[in-house]
Protein backbone atom coordinates (compact mmCIF):
# COMPACT_ATOMS: atom_id res chain seq x y z
CA MET A 1 -10.59 9.38 9.37
CA THR A 2 -13.45 9.17 6.95
CA GLU A 3 -12.64 5.79 5.39
CA ASP A 4 -13.76 2.45 6.80
CA ASN A 5 -11.84 0.99 9.73
CA ASN A 6 -10.42 -1.88 7.66
CA THR A 7 -8.21 0.39 5.56
CA GLN A 8 -4.62 -0.66 6.10
CA ILE A 9 -2.58 1.83 4.07
CA VAL A 10 -3.75 5.44 3.68
CA ASN A 11 -2.49 8.78 2.51
CA LEU A 12 -1.50 11.02 5.43
CA SER A 13 -4.01 13.64 4.32
CA LYS A 14 -6.83 11.21 5.17
CA LEU A 15 -5.80 11.03 8.84
CA ASN A 16 -6.77 13.18 11.81
CA SER A 17 -6.73 13.01 15.59
CA SER A 18 -9.31 10.22 15.62
CA SER A 19 -6.88 8.01 13.66
CA THR A 20 -4.34 7.70 16.46
CA SER A 21 -5.41 4.28 17.74
CA LYS A 22 -5.03 2.66 14.31
CA PHE A 23 -2.22 4.68 12.71
CA GLY A 24 -0.24 6.12 15.62
CA GLY A 25 0.29 9.60 16.92
CA LYS A 26 2.95 10.75 14.48
CA ALA A 27 0.95 9.86 11.36
CA SER A 28 -2.26 11.26 12.82
CA ASN A 29 -0.56 14.52 13.77
CA LEU A 30 0.97 14.82 10.30
CA GLY A 31 -2.54 14.40 8.90
CA GLU A 32 -3.79 17.16 11.18
CA LEU A 33 -0.98 19.45 9.99
CA ILE A 34 -1.74 18.72 6.33
CA ASN A 35 -5.45 19.33 6.85
CA SER A 36 -4.77 22.64 8.58
CA GLY A 37 -2.82 23.88 5.55
CA ILE A 38 0.73 23.39 6.76
CA ASN A 39 3.15 22.22 4.08
CA VAL A 40 4.07 18.60 4.88
CA PRO A 41 5.73 16.20 2.42
CA GLU A 42 3.38 13.62 0.95
CA GLY A 43 3.35 10.25 2.62
CA PHE A 44 1.33 7.31 3.78
CA ALA A 45 0.63 5.45 6.99
CA ILE A 46 0.32 1.74 7.68
CA ASN A 47 -2.38 0.52 10.04
CA THR A 48 -1.01 -0.92 13.30
CA ASP A 49 -2.81 -4.22 12.65
CA LEU A 50 -0.94 -4.63 9.36
CA TYR A 51 2.35 -3.75 11.05
CA PHE A 52 1.90 -6.31 13.84
CA ASP A 53 0.72 -8.93 11.35
CA PHE A 54 3.94 -8.36 9.40
CA LEU A 55 6.03 -8.71 12.56
CA ASN A 56 4.30 -11.94 13.54
CA LYS A 57 4.81 -13.47 10.10
CA SER A 58 8.44 -12.33 9.94
CA ASN A 59 9.55 -14.14 13.08
């Protein structure tokens, strides 16, 4: 991922294999597919820190 590490919501096309620790394997792999030219529906990914913060505040 080329953006700074504090980005919490990103377009899937900005992700790659180095994004796995912050955005998960599925989102990172979808980013890899998009960047290799495979037709993948547009989407976004939420940083794992944001997800866990949401869970903590929801309970």
